[in-house]
Amino acid sequence: MMRRAERPLPVPLEPLLPLFHRLNREHFDGSLAVEGRPLVALRWSDGRLTRTAGLYRRGVDGRGRQLCEIVLSRPLLEPLPRQATLGTLCHEMIHAWVDRVVGAREAHGPHFKARMALINARQPGFEVSLRHRFPVPSRPARWLARCPRCGLHSPYQRRRDGLACRVCCERFHGGRWSADCVLVFEPLSP
């Protein structure tokens, strides 16, 4: 009787909580946890987060409950070295720190950039960057987003309400979101 060739099991992803606590101690003076409990939930994506390596979000979920979490992309980060996970987690932790500790409403504004520069200067083990450079499978864009202020066009897979031009927000509003920079989406022909 012939046996099927057994495939090796994938290496399980590293738990995020110990990494979070280490990075919190080393780069945020412990400010992202109270009595050992993180101010944000941490989790690996279920496989659907395929366009970005991670995200920080705070708000209300579909059931009306308060939500504050960091989600890292399993499909993008799983095949990459550990440094990619550390850099991405730290990037999202900076977003949480700006929001929860500093209390500023900015994306990649002055608080974010200053903390990122400080972290990158303190350690050589990984790099925190504004945009990841990980390989992302490409799909044809269905929408073209245009900034009404500068005219910059960018392709998008889906429409995003309230999304503003990063270049104009940083140039004219100190990195803060502004309604005069909200992108206008136009469908692309197939």
C-alpha atoms as a PDB file:
ATOM      1  CA  MET A   1       0.000   0.000   0.000  1.00  0.00           C
ATOM      2  CA  MET A   2       1.427   3.386  -1.011  1.00  0.00           C
ATOM      3  CA  ARG A   3       1.448   6.179   1.465  1.00  0.00           C
ATOM      4  CA  ARG A   4       0.947   9.780   0.540  1.00  0.00           C
ATOM      5  CA  ALA A   5       4.018  11.924   0.876  1.00  0.00           C
ATOM      6  CA  GLU A   6       3.710  13.708   4.166  1.00  0.00           C
ATOM      7  CA  ARG A   7       4.148  17.440   4.042  1.00  0.00           C
ATOM      8  CA  PRO A   8       6.020  19.054   6.906  1.00  0.00           C
ATOM      9  CA  LEU A   9       3.823  21.017   9.254  1.00  0.00           C
ATOM     10  CA  PRO A  10       4.330  24.790   9.079  1.00  0.00           C
ATOM     11  CA  VAL A  11       6.269  26.352  11.905  1.00  0.00           C
ATOM     12  CA  PRO A  12       3.746  27.933  14.273  1.00  0.00           C
ATOM     13  CA  LEU A  13       3.800  31.703  14.447  1.00  0.00           C
ATOM     14  CA  GLU A  14       5.454  33.243  17.444  1.00  0.00           C
ATOM     15  CA  PRO A  15       3.050  34.360  20.172  1.00  0.00           C
ATOM     16  CA  LEU A  16       2.650  38.144  20.063  1.00  0.00           C
ATOM     17  CA  LEU A  17       2.160  38.857  23.769  1.00  0.00           C
ATOM     18  CA  PRO A  18       5.773  38.154  24.862  1.00  0.00           C
ATOM     19  CA  LEU A  19       7.085  40.228  21.944  1.00  0.00           C
ATOM     20  CA  PHE A  20       4.698  43.042  22.845  1.00  0.00           C
ATOM     21  CA  HIS A  21       5.853  43.105  26.483  1.00  0.00           C
ATOM     22  CA  ARG A  22       9.522  43.091  25.463  1.00  0.00           C
ATOM     23  CA  LEU A  23       9.076  45.940  22.961  1.00  0.00           C
ATOM     24  CA  ASN A  24       6.899  47.841  25.451  1.00  0.00           C
ATOM     25  CA  ARG A  25       9.660  47.688  28.089  1.00  0.00           C
ATOM     26  CA  GLU A  26      12.472  48.510  25.663  1.00  0.00           C
ATOM     27  CA  HIS A  27      10.883  51.290  23.602  1.00  0.00           C
ATOM     28  CA  PHE A  28       7.772  52.629  25.365  1.00  0.00           C
ATOM     29  CA  ASP A  29       8.838  52.680  29.030  1.00  0.00           C
ATOM     30  CA  GLY A  30       6.069  50.196  29.831  1.00  0.00           C
ATOM     31  CA  SER A  31       3.389  52.769  28.981  1.00  0.00           C
ATOM     32  CA  LEU A  32       1.352  50.426  26.745  1.00  0.00           C
ATOM     33  CA  ALA A  33       0.386  48.148  29.641  1.00  0.00           C
ATOM     34  CA  VAL A  34      -1.260  48.732  33.015  1.00  0.00           C
ATOM     35  CA  GLU A  35      -0.471  46.226  35.773  1.00  0.00           C
ATOM     36  CA  GLY A  36       0.960  43.874  33.147  1.00  0.00           C
ATOM     37  CA  ARG A  37      -2.140  43.998  30.931  1.00  0.00           C
ATOM     38  CA  PRO A  38      -1.747  45.488  27.429  1.00  0.00           C
ATOM     39  CA  LEU A  39      -3.866  48.516  26.526  1.00  0.00           C
ATOM     40  CA  VAL A  40      -4.551  46.798  23.186  1.00  0.00           C
ATOM     41  CA  ALA A  41      -5.579  43.307  22.125  1.00  0.00           C
ATOM     42  CA  LEU A  42      -3.049  41.463  19.967  1.00  0.00           C
ATOM     43  CA  ARG A  43      -3.672  38.800  17.360  1.00  0.00           C
ATOM     44  CA  TRP A  44      -2.520  37.242  14.123  1.00  0.00           C
ATOM     45  CA  SER A  45      -4.960  37.694  11.233  1.00  0.00           C
ATOM     46  CA  ASP A  46      -7.142  34.813  10.156  1.00  0.00           C
ATOM     47  CA  GLY A  47      -5.627  34.942   6.662  1.00  0.00           C
ATOM     48  CA  ARG A  48      -7.700  37.733   5.141  1.00  0.00           C
ATOM     49  CA  LEU A  49      -5.224  40.558   5.867  1.00  0.00           C
ATOM     50  CA  THR A  50      -3.181  40.273   2.664  1.00  0.00           C
ATOM     51  CA  ARG A  51      -2.490  43.826   1.518  1.00  0.00           C
ATOM     52  CA  THR A  52      -0.771  45.238   4.606  1.00  0.00           C
ATOM     53  CA  ALA A  53       1.550  43.665   7.159  1.00  0.00           C
ATOM     54  CA  GLY A  54      -0.355  44.955  10.181  1.00  0.00           C
ATOM     55  CA  LEU A  55      -2.878  47.425  11.499  1.00  0.00           C
ATOM     56  CA  TYR A  56      -3.886  49.238  14.668  1.00  0.00           C
ATOM     57  CA  ARG A  57      -7.532  50.069  15.094  1.00  0.00           C
ATOM     58  CA  ARG A  58      -9.661  51.579  17.793  1.00  0.00           C
ATOM     59  CA  GLY A  59     -13.385  52.141  17.768  1.00  0.00           C
ATOM     60  CA  VAL A  60     -16.562  50.096  18.052  1.00  0.00           C
ATOM     61  CA  ASP A  61     -17.011  46.652  16.513  1.00  0.00           C
ATOM     62  CA  GLY A  62     -20.114  45.378  14.687  1.00  0.00           C
ATOM     63  CA  ARG A  63     -21.756  44.386  17.998  1.00  0.00           C
ATOM     64  CA  GLY A  64     -21.280  47.816  19.599  1.00  0.00           C
ATOM     65  CA  ARG A  65     -18.361  46.774  21.844  1.00  0.00           C
ATOM     66  CA  GLN A  66     -15.253  48.892  22.302  1.00  0.00           C
ATOM     67  CA  LEU A  67     -12.389  47.701  20.123  1.00  0.00           C
ATOM     68  CA  CYS A  68      -8.678  48.473  20.440  1.00  0.00           C
ATOM     69  CA  GLU A  69      -6.364  45.999  18.750  1.00  0.00           C
ATOM     70  CA  ILE A  70      -3.230  45.305  16.780  1.00  0.00           C
ATOM     71  CA  VAL A  71      -3.578  42.712  14.025  1.00  0.00           C
ATOM     72  CA  LEU A  72      -0.563  41.302  12.164  1.00  0.00           C
ATOM     73  CA  SER A  73      -0.867  39.632   8.759  1.00  0.00           C
ATOM     74  CA  ARG A  74      -0.319  35.903   8.931  1.00  0.00           C
ATOM     75  CA  PRO A  75       0.014  35.482   5.109  1.00  0.00           C
ATOM     76  CA  LEU A  76       2.586  38.264   4.680  1.00  0.00           C
ATOM     77  CA  LEU A  77       4.716  37.810   7.804  1.00  0.00           C
ATOM     78  CA  GLU A  78       4.697  34.020   8.287  1.00  0.00           C
ATOM     79  CA  PRO A  79       7.266  33.291   5.534  1.00  0.00           C
ATOM     80  CA  LEU A  80       9.527  36.230   6.468  1.00  0.00           C
ATOM     81  CA  PRO A  81      12.321  36.483   9.054  1.00  0.00           C
ATOM     82  CA  ARG A  82      11.503  37.401  12.659  1.00  0.00           C
ATOM     83  CA  GLN A  83      12.785  40.969  12.092  1.00  0.00           C
ATOM     84  CA  ALA A  84       9.790  41.618   9.807  1.00  0.00           C
ATOM     85  CA  THR A  85       7.397  40.666  12.612  1.00  0.00           C
ATOM     86  CA  LEU A  86       9.297  42.791  15.155  1.00  0.00           C
ATOM     87  CA  GLY A  87       9.366  45.840  12.854  1.00  0.00           C
ATOM     88  CA  THR A  88       5.682  45.518  11.992  1.00  0.00           C
ATOM     89  CA  LEU A  89       4.571  44.952  15.590  1.00  0.00           C
ATOM     90  CA  CYS A  90       6.641  47.917  16.761  1.00  0.00           C
ATOM     91  CA  HIS A  91       5.151  50.102  13.975  1.00  0.00           C
ATOM     92  CA  GLU A  92       1.632  49.257  15.151  1.00  0.00           C
ATOM     93  CA  MET A  93       2.652  49.776  18.788  1.00  0.00           C
ATOM     94  CA  ILE A  94       3.771  53.299  17.880  1.00  0.00           C
ATOM     95  CA  HIS A  95       0.267  53.935  16.494  1.00  0.00           C
ATOM     96  CA  ALA A  96      -1.202  52.649  19.778  1.00  0.00           C
ATOM     97  CA  TRP A  97       1.238  54.772  21.804  1.00  0.00           C
ATOM     98  CA  VAL A  98       0.371  57.947  19.838  1.00  0.00           C
ATOM     99  CA  ASP A  99      -3.356  57.247  20.290  1.00  0.00           C
ATOM    100  CA  ARG A 100      -3.557  55.835  23.840  1.00  0.00           C
ATOM    101  CA  VAL A 101      -0.600  57.464  25.637  1.00  0.00           C
ATOM    102  CA  VAL A 102       0.085  60.735  23.809  1.00  0.00           C
ATOM    103  CA  GLY A 103      -3.586  61.282  22.939  1.00  0.00           C
ATOM    104  CA  ALA A 104      -2.826  62.699  19.488  1.00  0.00           C
ATOM    105  CA  ARG A 105      -4.908  62.049  16.402  1.00  0.00           C
ATOM    106  CA  GLU A 106      -2.382  61.497  13.638  1.00  0.00           C
ATOM    107  CA  ALA A 107      -1.415  58.744  11.234  1.00  0.00           C
ATOM    108  CA  HIS A 108       2.308  59.078  10.567  1.00  0.00           C
ATOM    109  CA  GLY A 109       2.668  62.579  11.983  1.00  0.00           C
ATOM    110  CA  PRO A 110       5.371  64.180  14.131  1.00  0.00           C
ATOM    111  CA  HIS A 111       4.837  62.042  17.266  1.00  0.00           C
ATOM    112  CA  PHE A 112       4.934  58.856  15.223  1.00  0.00           C
ATOM    113  CA  LYS A 113       8.047  59.839  13.250  1.00  0.00           C
ATOM    114  CA  ALA A 114       9.942  60.994  16.352  1.00  0.00           C
ATOM    115  CA  ARG A 115       9.280  57.704  18.196  1.00  0.00           C
ATOM    116  CA  MET A 116      10.139  55.680  15.089  1.00  0.00           C
ATOM    117  CA  ALA A 117      13.472  57.511  14.712  1.00  0.00           C
ATOM    118  CA  LEU A 118      14.266  57.000  18.411  1.00  0.00           C
ATOM    119  CA  ILE A 119      13.547  53.252  18.223  1.00  0.00           C
ATOM    120  CA  ASN A 120      15.573  52.805  15.033  1.00  0.00           C
ATOM    121  CA  ALA A 121      18.511  54.718  16.569  1.00  0.00           C
ATOM    122  CA  ARG A 122      18.443  52.653  19.803  1.00  0.00           C
ATOM    123  CA  GLN A 123      18.687  49.178  18.343  1.00  0.00           C
ATOM    124  CA  PRO A 124      20.076  47.439  15.238  1.00  0.00           C
ATOM    125  CA  GLY A 125      17.956  44.248  15.416  1.00  0.00           C
ATOM    126  CA  PHE A 126      15.067  45.363  13.194  1.00  0.00           C
ATOM    127  CA  GLU A 127      13.819  48.458  11.402  1.00  0.00           C
ATOM    128  CA  VAL A 128      10.576  50.311  11.885  1.00  0.00           C
ATOM    129  CA  SER A 129       9.468  52.002   8.665  1.00  0.00           C
ATOM    130  CA  LEU A 130       6.456  53.953   7.447  1.00  0.00           C
ATOM    131  CA  ARG A 131       5.673  51.474   4.659  1.00  0.00           C
ATOM    132  CA  HIS A 132       6.587  47.805   4.550  1.00  0.00           C
ATOM    133  CA  ARG A 133       8.502  46.458   1.595  1.00  0.00           C
ATOM    134  CA  PHE A 134       7.233  42.886   1.847  1.00  0.00           C
ATOM    135  CA  PRO A 135       6.089  41.050  -1.285  1.00  0.00           C
ATOM    136  CA  VAL A 136       2.340  41.431  -1.754  1.00  0.00           C
ATOM    137  CA  PRO A 137       0.420  39.452  -4.390  1.00  0.00           C
ATOM    138  CA  SER A 138      -0.923  41.857  -6.970  1.00  0.00           C
ATOM    139  CA  ARG A 139      -4.528  42.110  -8.070  1.00  0.00           C
ATOM    140  CA  PRO A 140      -5.863  44.545 -10.647  1.00  0.00           C
ATOM    141  CA  ALA A 141      -7.181  47.784  -9.184  1.00  0.00           C
ATOM    142  CA  ARG A 142     -10.901  48.475  -9.463  1.00  0.00           C
ATOM    143  CA  TRP A 143     -10.871  52.100  -8.293  1.00  0.00           C
ATOM    144  CA  LEU A 144      -8.771  55.198  -8.904  1.00  0.00           C
ATOM    145  CA  ALA A 145      -8.550  57.587  -5.949  1.00  0.00           C
ATOM    146  CA  ARG A 146      -7.832  61.243  -6.689  1.00  0.00           C
ATOM    147  CA  CYS A 147      -6.846  63.903  -4.179  1.00  0.00           C
ATOM    148  CA  PRO A 148      -8.909  67.060  -4.797  1.00  0.00           C
ATOM    149  CA  ARG A 149      -6.127  69.221  -3.392  1.00  0.00           C
ATOM    150  CA  CYS A 150      -2.978  68.016  -5.207  1.00  0.00           C
ATOM    151  CA  GLY A 151      -4.515  65.858  -7.955  1.00  0.00           C
ATOM    152  CA  LEU A 152      -2.435  62.780  -7.062  1.00  0.00           C
ATOM    153  CA  HIS A 153      -4.014  59.563  -8.404  1.00  0.00           C
ATOM    154  CA  SER A 154      -3.629  56.155  -6.739  1.00  0.00           C
ATOM    155  CA  PRO A 155      -5.162  52.788  -7.691  1.00  0.00           C
ATOM    156  CA  TYR A 156      -7.190  50.920  -5.056  1.00  0.00           C
ATOM    157  CA  GLN A 157      -8.799  47.496  -4.939  1.00  0.00           C
ATOM    158  CA  ARG A 158     -11.839  48.827  -3.052  1.00  0.00           C
ATOM    159  CA  ARG A 159     -13.401  52.142  -2.049  1.00  0.00           C
ATOM    160  CA  ARG A 160     -12.477  53.501   1.362  1.00  0.00           C
ATOM    161  CA  ASP A 161     -14.736  56.151   2.899  1.00  0.00           C
ATOM    162  CA  GLY A 162     -12.992  59.049   4.611  1.00  0.00           C
ATOM    163  CA  LEU A 163      -9.518  58.171   3.339  1.00  0.00           C
ATOM    164  CA  ALA A 164      -7.352  61.273   2.946  1.00  0.00           C
ATOM    165  CA  CYS A 165      -4.266  62.007   0.851  1.00  0.00           C
ATOM    166  CA  ARG A 166      -1.268  61.240   3.063  1.00  0.00           C
ATOM    167  CA  VAL A 167       0.985  63.665   1.164  1.00  0.00           C
ATOM    168  CA  CYS A 168      -1.375  66.630   1.619  1.00  0.00           C
ATOM    169  CA  CYS A 169      -2.211  65.779   5.241  1.00  0.00           C
ATOM    170  CA  GLU A 170       1.494  65.726   6.091  1.00  0.00           C
ATOM    171  CA  ARG A 171       2.358  68.788   3.982  1.00  0.00           C
ATOM    172  CA  PHE A 172      -0.523  71.055   5.012  1.00  0.00           C
ATOM    173  CA  HIS A 173      -1.896  69.661   8.302  1.00  0.00           C
ATOM    174  CA  GLY A 174       1.088  68.323  10.270  1.00  0.00           C
ATOM    175  CA  GLY A 175       0.188  64.679   9.578  1.00  0.00           C
ATOM    176  CA  ARG A 176      -3.390  65.027  10.831  1.00  0.00           C
ATOM    177  CA  TRP A 177      -6.413  63.955   8.794  1.00  0.00           C
ATOM    178  CA  SER A 178      -8.242  66.803   7.068  1.00  0.00           C
ATOM    179  CA  ALA A 179     -11.539  66.846   5.171  1.00  0.00           C
ATOM    180  CA  ASP A 180     -10.081  68.978   2.369  1.00  0.00           C
ATOM    181  CA  CYS A 181      -7.750  66.071   1.493  1.00  0.00           C
ATOM    182  CA  VAL A 182     -10.386  63.286   1.367  1.00  0.00           C
ATOM    183  CA  LEU A 183      -9.858  61.146  -1.733  1.00  0.00           C
ATOM    184  CA  VAL A 184     -12.495  60.969  -4.471  1.00  0.00           C
ATOM    185  CA  PHE A 185     -12.945  57.424  -5.829  1.00  0.00           C
ATOM    186  CA  GLU A 186     -13.753  56.779  -9.487  1.00  0.00           C
ATOM    187  CA  PRO A 187     -14.356  53.288 -10.881  1.00  0.00           C
ATOM    188  CA  LEU A 188     -11.798  51.962 -13.349  1.00  0.00           C
ATOM    189  CA  SER A 189     -13.164  50.285 -16.455  1.00  0.00           C
ATOM    190  CA  PRO A 190     -12.516  46.498 -16.555  1.00  0.00           C
END
